[in-house]
């Protein structure tokens, strides 16, 4: 399904994939699917993220009359766990980004302090 051969599935490729699988989605539905598993927030899916999407796709609906109340309970617990896992990945990425910002700011401050110290010695 990777028509662009870039190693990622973008919105249009996901749309075609879902149509070929016999489960066409709306544009907004596709965007929400990507959002649920897009760990690196680049609006396209890597192989790892597609696996997460596959897990969520299996959890998209349940027939309570066939599965019973216990089956519905298991369904919702699995759905919540999948959402929590996606949120955990998002939190990890945000924490990494914050750490990088903090390190960049510290480096900037050290450079400024060094220049100040350097100018003090040259006077």
N, C-alpha and C. Protein backbone atom coordinates (compact mmCIF):
# COMPACT_ATOMS: atom_id res chain seq x y z
N UNK A 1 0.80 -1.21 0.00
CA UNK A 1 0.00 0.00 0.00
C UNK A 1 0.84 1.27 0.00
N UNK A 2 2.16 1.13 0.15
CA UNK A 2 3.07 2.28 0.19
C UNK A 2 3.38 2.71 -1.25
N UNK A 3 2.43 3.41 -1.88
CA UNK A 3 2.58 3.82 -3.28
C UNK A 3 3.76 4.75 -3.49
N UNK A 4 4.06 5.61 -2.49
CA UNK A 4 5.16 6.55 -2.61
C UNK A 4 6.53 5.91 -2.37
N UNK A 5 6.54 4.65 -1.93
CA UNK A 5 7.77 3.90 -1.66
C UNK A 5 8.70 4.65 -0.71
N UNK A 6 8.12 5.34 0.29
CA UNK A 6 8.94 6.08 1.25
C UNK A 6 9.00 5.41 2.61
N UNK A 7 8.38 4.23 2.73
CA UNK A 7 8.39 3.52 4.00
C UNK A 7 7.30 3.95 4.95
N UNK A 8 6.38 4.81 4.49
CA UNK A 8 5.30 5.31 5.32
C UNK A 8 3.98 5.21 4.57
N UNK A 9 2.88 5.16 5.32
CA UNK A 9 1.54 5.19 4.74
C UNK A 9 0.96 6.56 5.07
N UNK A 10 0.68 7.36 4.03
CA UNK A 10 0.09 8.68 4.27
C UNK A 10 -1.43 8.57 4.17
N UNK A 11 -2.10 9.69 4.27
CA UNK A 11 -3.56 9.71 4.30
C UNK A 11 -4.18 9.07 3.05
N UNK A 12 -3.69 9.44 1.87
CA UNK A 12 -4.27 8.91 0.63
C UNK A 12 -3.98 7.41 0.49
N UNK A 13 -2.79 6.99 0.90
CA UNK A 13 -2.46 5.56 0.83
C UNK A 13 -3.32 4.77 1.80
N UNK A 14 -3.59 5.35 2.97
CA UNK A 14 -4.46 4.70 3.95
C UNK A 14 -5.88 4.60 3.40
N UNK A 15 -6.32 5.66 2.72
CA UNK A 15 -7.66 5.65 2.12
C UNK A 15 -7.78 4.51 1.12
N UNK A 16 -6.80 4.37 0.24
CA UNK A 16 -6.83 3.29 -0.75
C UNK A 16 -6.76 1.93 -0.09
N UNK A 17 -5.93 1.81 0.95
CA UNK A 17 -5.79 0.54 1.65
C UNK A 17 -7.13 0.14 2.27
N UNK A 18 -7.80 1.07 2.94
CA UNK A 18 -9.07 0.76 3.58
C UNK A 18 -10.14 0.39 2.55
N UNK A 19 -10.11 1.07 1.40
CA UNK A 19 -11.07 0.73 0.33
C UNK A 19 -10.82 -0.67 -0.19
N UNK A 20 -9.53 -1.02 -0.40
CA UNK A 20 -9.21 -2.36 -0.89
C UNK A 20 -9.55 -3.44 0.12
N UNK A 21 -9.49 -3.09 1.41
CA UNK A 21 -9.84 -4.05 2.46
C UNK A 21 -11.35 -4.16 2.66
N UNK A 22 -12.11 -3.35 1.91
CA UNK A 22 -13.56 -3.39 2.01
C UNK A 22 -14.11 -2.65 3.21
N UNK A 23 -13.32 -1.70 3.74
CA UNK A 23 -13.77 -0.92 4.90
C UNK A 23 -13.48 0.55 4.65
N UNK A 24 -14.11 1.14 3.61
CA UNK A 24 -13.83 2.54 3.30
C UNK A 24 -14.20 3.45 4.47
N UNK A 25 -13.44 4.53 4.62
CA UNK A 25 -13.62 5.47 5.72
C UNK A 25 -13.77 6.88 5.16
N UNK A 26 -14.36 7.74 5.97
CA UNK A 26 -14.44 9.16 5.59
C UNK A 26 -13.06 9.79 5.78
N UNK A 27 -12.86 10.95 5.18
CA UNK A 27 -11.60 11.67 5.32
C UNK A 27 -11.30 11.93 6.79
N UNK A 28 -12.30 12.41 7.52
CA UNK A 28 -12.13 12.69 8.94
C UNK A 28 -11.86 11.41 9.73
N UNK A 29 -12.53 10.34 9.36
CA UNK A 29 -12.30 9.05 10.01
C UNK A 29 -10.88 8.57 9.82
N UNK A 30 -10.35 8.74 8.61
CA UNK A 30 -8.97 8.34 8.32
C UNK A 30 -7.98 9.18 9.13
N UNK A 31 -8.24 10.48 9.19
CA UNK A 31 -7.36 11.37 9.97
C UNK A 31 -7.36 10.96 11.44
N UNK A 32 -8.53 10.60 11.95
CA UNK A 32 -8.61 10.17 13.35
C UNK A 32 -7.89 8.85 13.57
N UNK A 33 -7.98 7.95 12.58
CA UNK A 33 -7.27 6.68 12.68
C UNK A 33 -5.77 6.93 12.77
N UNK A 34 -5.27 7.80 11.91
CA UNK A 34 -3.84 8.12 11.92
C UNK A 34 -3.47 8.75 13.26
N UNK A 35 -4.28 9.68 13.70
CA UNK A 35 -4.01 10.40 14.96
C UNK A 35 -3.90 9.45 16.15
N UNK A 36 -4.73 8.40 16.16
CA UNK A 36 -4.74 7.47 17.29
C UNK A 36 -3.45 6.70 17.44
N UNK A 37 -2.72 6.44 16.34
CA UNK A 37 -1.52 5.61 16.44
C UNK A 37 -0.25 6.32 15.98
N UNK A 38 -0.34 7.58 15.58
CA UNK A 38 0.81 8.32 15.06
C UNK A 38 1.73 8.76 16.21
N UNK A 39 2.68 7.91 16.55
CA UNK A 39 3.55 8.14 17.70
C UNK A 39 4.44 9.37 17.54
N UNK A 40 4.94 9.60 16.33
CA UNK A 40 5.89 10.70 16.12
C UNK A 40 5.22 11.95 15.55
N UNK A 41 3.90 11.95 15.48
CA UNK A 41 3.11 13.11 15.08
C UNK A 41 3.50 13.70 13.74
N UNK A 42 3.85 12.82 12.78
CA UNK A 42 4.22 13.30 11.45
C UNK A 42 3.08 13.14 10.43
N UNK A 43 1.89 12.76 10.89
CA UNK A 43 0.69 12.58 10.06
C UNK A 43 0.83 11.51 9.00
N UNK A 44 1.74 10.58 9.21
CA UNK A 44 1.84 9.40 8.35
C UNK A 44 2.27 8.24 9.23
N UNK A 45 2.08 7.04 8.74
CA UNK A 45 2.27 5.86 9.56
C UNK A 45 3.49 5.06 9.15
N UNK A 46 4.34 4.74 10.11
CA UNK A 46 5.47 3.85 9.88
C UNK A 46 4.95 2.42 10.03
N UNK A 47 5.82 1.45 9.76
CA UNK A 47 5.42 0.05 9.90
C UNK A 47 4.94 -0.22 11.32
N UNK A 48 5.66 0.28 12.32
CA UNK A 48 5.30 0.06 13.72
C UNK A 48 3.93 0.66 14.02
N UNK A 49 3.69 1.86 13.52
CA UNK A 49 2.41 2.51 13.77
C UNK A 49 1.27 1.80 13.05
N UNK A 50 1.54 1.24 11.87
CA UNK A 50 0.51 0.50 11.13
C UNK A 50 0.08 -0.73 11.94
N UNK A 51 1.04 -1.35 12.63
CA UNK A 51 0.68 -2.49 13.48
C UNK A 51 -0.29 -2.05 14.57
N UNK A 52 -0.07 -0.85 15.14
CA UNK A 52 -1.00 -0.31 16.14
C UNK A 52 -2.36 -0.04 15.54
N UNK A 53 -2.36 0.46 14.30
CA UNK A 53 -3.62 0.72 13.59
C UNK A 53 -4.37 -0.59 13.36
N UNK A 54 -3.62 -1.63 13.01
CA UNK A 54 -4.24 -2.95 12.80
C UNK A 54 -4.93 -3.41 14.08
N UNK A 55 -4.27 -3.23 15.21
CA UNK A 55 -4.87 -3.63 16.49
C UNK A 55 -6.13 -2.83 16.76
N UNK A 56 -6.09 -1.51 16.49
CA UNK A 56 -7.28 -0.69 16.70
C UNK A 56 -8.39 -1.06 15.73
N UNK A 57 -8.03 -1.39 14.49
CA UNK A 57 -9.04 -1.75 13.49
C UNK A 57 -9.80 -2.99 13.93
N UNK A 58 -9.10 -3.91 14.55
CA UNK A 58 -9.78 -5.12 15.04
C UNK A 58 -10.73 -4.78 16.18
N UNK A 59 -10.52 -3.64 16.82
CA UNK A 59 -11.34 -3.24 17.95
C UNK A 59 -12.39 -2.19 17.58
N UNK A 60 -12.78 -2.12 16.32
CA UNK A 60 -13.64 -1.04 15.89
C UNK A 60 -15.12 -1.24 16.20
N UNK A 61 -15.55 -2.47 16.36
CA UNK A 61 -16.96 -2.69 16.65
C UNK A 61 -17.16 -4.04 17.31
N UNK A 62 -18.32 -4.18 17.98
CA UNK A 62 -18.65 -5.45 18.63
C UNK A 62 -20.16 -5.65 18.58
N UNK A 63 -20.55 -6.87 18.39
CA UNK A 63 -21.97 -7.22 18.40
C UNK A 63 -22.28 -7.86 19.76
N UNK A 64 -22.91 -7.08 20.64
CA UNK A 64 -23.17 -7.54 22.01
C UNK A 64 -24.09 -8.75 22.00
N UNK A 65 -25.01 -8.82 21.04
CA UNK A 65 -25.93 -9.96 21.01
C UNK A 65 -25.18 -11.27 20.72
N UNK A 66 -24.06 -11.19 20.01
CA UNK A 66 -23.26 -12.38 19.72
C UNK A 66 -22.20 -12.60 20.79
N UNK A 67 -21.55 -11.54 21.21
CA UNK A 67 -20.43 -11.63 22.14
C UNK A 67 -20.85 -11.65 23.60
N UNK A 68 -22.02 -11.12 23.90
CA UNK A 68 -22.48 -11.06 25.27
C UNK A 68 -21.86 -9.90 26.03
N UNK A 69 -22.32 -9.73 27.25
CA UNK A 69 -21.86 -8.61 28.07
C UNK A 69 -20.37 -8.77 28.40
N UNK A 70 -19.94 -9.99 28.71
CA UNK A 70 -18.53 -10.21 29.04
C UNK A 70 -17.64 -9.90 27.83
N UNK A 71 -18.09 -10.27 26.66
CA UNK A 71 -17.33 -9.95 25.44
C UNK A 71 -17.25 -8.45 25.22
N UNK A 72 -18.35 -7.74 25.48
CA UNK A 72 -18.35 -6.29 25.34
C UNK A 72 -17.41 -5.66 26.36
N UNK A 73 -17.42 -6.19 27.59
CA UNK A 73 -16.52 -5.70 28.62
C UNK A 73 -15.07 -5.87 28.17
N UNK A 74 -14.73 -7.04 27.68
CA UNK A 74 -13.37 -7.29 27.20
C UNK A 74 -13.01 -6.37 26.03
N UNK A 75 -13.98 -6.14 25.16
CA UNK A 75 -13.77 -5.25 24.02
C UNK A 75 -13.40 -3.85 24.49
N UNK A 76 -14.20 -3.30 25.41
CA UNK A 76 -13.96 -1.94 25.87
C UNK A 76 -12.67 -1.84 26.68
N UNK A 77 -12.34 -2.86 27.43
CA UNK A 77 -11.07 -2.86 28.17
C UNK A 77 -9.89 -2.87 27.20
N UNK A 78 -9.98 -3.67 26.15
CA UNK A 78 -8.90 -3.73 25.15
C UNK A 78 -8.80 -2.41 24.40
N UNK A 79 -9.93 -1.81 24.07
CA UNK A 79 -9.94 -0.52 23.38
C UNK A 79 -9.29 0.55 24.26
N UNK A 80 -9.65 0.58 25.55
CA UNK A 80 -9.07 1.55 26.48
C UNK A 80 -7.58 1.33 26.62
N UNK A 81 -7.16 0.08 26.68
CA UNK A 81 -5.73 -0.22 26.79
C UNK A 81 -4.98 0.26 25.54
N UNK A 82 -5.55 0.05 24.37
CA UNK A 82 -4.92 0.51 23.13
C UNK A 82 -4.80 2.03 23.10
N UNK A 83 -5.84 2.70 23.56
CA UNK A 83 -5.81 4.17 23.59
C UNK A 83 -4.78 4.65 24.61
N UNK A 84 -4.73 4.00 25.78
CA UNK A 84 -3.74 4.37 26.79
C UNK A 84 -2.33 4.16 26.29
N UNK A 85 -2.10 3.08 25.55
CA UNK A 85 -0.77 2.82 25.01
C UNK A 85 -0.38 3.90 24.01
N UNK A 86 -1.32 4.29 23.17
CA UNK A 86 -1.05 5.37 22.20
C UNK A 86 -0.75 6.67 22.94
N UNK A 87 -1.48 6.94 24.02
CA UNK A 87 -1.23 8.14 24.81
C UNK A 87 0.14 8.09 25.47
N UNK A 88 0.54 6.91 25.92
CA UNK A 88 1.85 6.75 26.56
C UNK A 88 2.96 7.07 25.56
N UNK A 89 2.83 6.57 24.33
CA UNK A 89 3.82 6.86 23.30
C UNK A 89 3.88 8.37 23.02
N UNK A 90 2.71 8.99 22.97
CA UNK A 90 2.65 10.43 22.74
C UNK A 90 3.34 11.19 23.87
N UNK A 91 3.10 10.76 25.11
CA UNK A 91 3.75 11.40 26.26
C UNK A 91 5.26 11.23 26.20
N UNK A 92 5.73 10.05 25.81
CA UNK A 92 7.17 9.81 25.70
C UNK A 92 7.80 10.72 24.66
N UNK A 93 7.13 10.88 23.53
CA UNK A 93 7.65 11.74 22.47
C UNK A 93 7.69 13.19 22.94
N UNK A 94 6.62 13.63 23.60
CA UNK A 94 6.59 15.00 24.12
C UNK A 94 7.69 15.22 25.15
N UNK A 95 7.93 14.22 26.02
CA UNK A 95 8.99 14.34 27.03
C UNK A 95 10.36 14.44 26.35
N UNK A 96 10.56 13.64 25.30
CA UNK A 96 11.82 13.72 24.53
C UNK A 96 12.00 15.10 23.92
N UNK A 97 10.93 15.63 23.34
CA UNK A 97 11.00 16.96 22.72
C UNK A 97 11.30 18.03 23.76
N UNK A 98 10.69 17.93 24.94
CA UNK A 98 10.95 18.90 26.02
C UNK A 98 12.39 18.81 26.49
N UNK A 99 12.91 17.59 26.59
CA UNK A 99 14.30 17.40 27.01
C UNK A 99 15.26 18.02 25.99
N UNK A 100 14.97 17.83 24.71
CA UNK A 100 15.81 18.43 23.66
C UNK A 100 15.77 19.95 23.74
N UNK A 101 14.59 20.51 23.97
CA UNK A 101 14.47 21.97 24.12
C UNK A 101 15.28 22.46 25.31
N UNK A 102 15.19 21.72 26.42
CA UNK A 102 15.91 22.09 27.64
C UNK A 102 17.42 22.05 27.39
N UNK A 103 17.88 20.99 26.72
CA UNK A 103 19.31 20.87 26.43
C UNK A 103 19.77 21.99 25.50
N UNK A 104 18.97 22.33 24.51
CA UNK A 104 19.33 23.41 23.59
C UNK A 104 19.41 24.75 24.33
N UNK A 105 18.49 24.99 25.25
CA UNK A 105 18.50 26.23 26.03
C UNK A 105 19.72 26.28 26.95
N UNK A 106 20.05 25.16 27.57
CA UNK A 106 21.23 25.10 28.44
C UNK A 106 22.50 25.36 27.63
N UNK A 107 22.58 24.79 26.44
CA UNK A 107 23.74 25.02 25.58
C UNK A 107 23.85 26.49 25.19
N UNK A 108 22.72 27.09 24.88
CA UNK A 108 22.68 28.51 24.52
C UNK A 108 23.17 29.36 25.70
N UNK A 109 22.71 29.03 26.90
CA UNK A 109 23.12 29.78 28.09
C UNK A 109 24.61 29.60 28.37
N UNK A 110 25.12 28.39 28.20
CA UNK A 110 26.56 28.15 28.42
C UNK A 110 27.40 28.93 27.42
N UNK A 111 26.96 28.97 26.17
CA UNK A 111 27.70 29.73 25.14
C UNK A 111 27.70 31.22 25.49
N UNK A 112 26.55 31.73 25.93
CA UNK A 112 26.46 33.15 26.29
C UNK A 112 27.36 33.44 27.50
N UNK A 113 27.38 32.55 28.49
CA UNK A 113 28.23 32.74 29.67
C UNK A 113 29.70 32.68 29.27
N UNK A 114 30.05 31.77 28.36
CA UNK A 114 31.43 31.67 27.90
C UNK A 114 31.86 32.95 27.19
N UNK A 115 30.98 33.46 26.32
CA UNK A 115 31.31 34.71 25.61
C UNK A 115 31.48 35.86 26.59
N UNK A 116 30.63 35.91 27.61
CA UNK A 116 30.73 36.96 28.62
C UNK A 116 32.05 36.83 29.37
N UNK A 117 32.38 35.63 29.77
CA UNK A 117 33.63 35.38 30.48
C UNK A 117 34.82 35.73 29.59
N UNK A 118 34.72 35.35 28.33
CA UNK A 118 35.79 35.61 27.36
C UNK A 118 35.99 37.13 27.18
N UNK A 119 34.90 37.88 27.10
CA UNK A 119 35.01 39.32 26.93
C UNK A 119 35.57 39.98 28.18
N UNK A 120 35.33 39.41 29.35
CA UNK A 120 35.87 39.93 30.60
C UNK A 120 37.40 39.78 30.61
N UNK A 121 37.91 38.66 30.14
CA UNK A 121 39.34 38.41 30.12
C UNK A 121 40.07 39.22 29.06
N UNK A 122 39.40 39.55 27.97
CA UNK A 122 40.06 40.29 26.90
C UNK A 122 40.11 41.78 27.16
N UNK A 123 39.39 42.26 28.16
CA UNK A 123 39.38 43.71 28.44
C UNK A 123 40.52 44.11 29.25
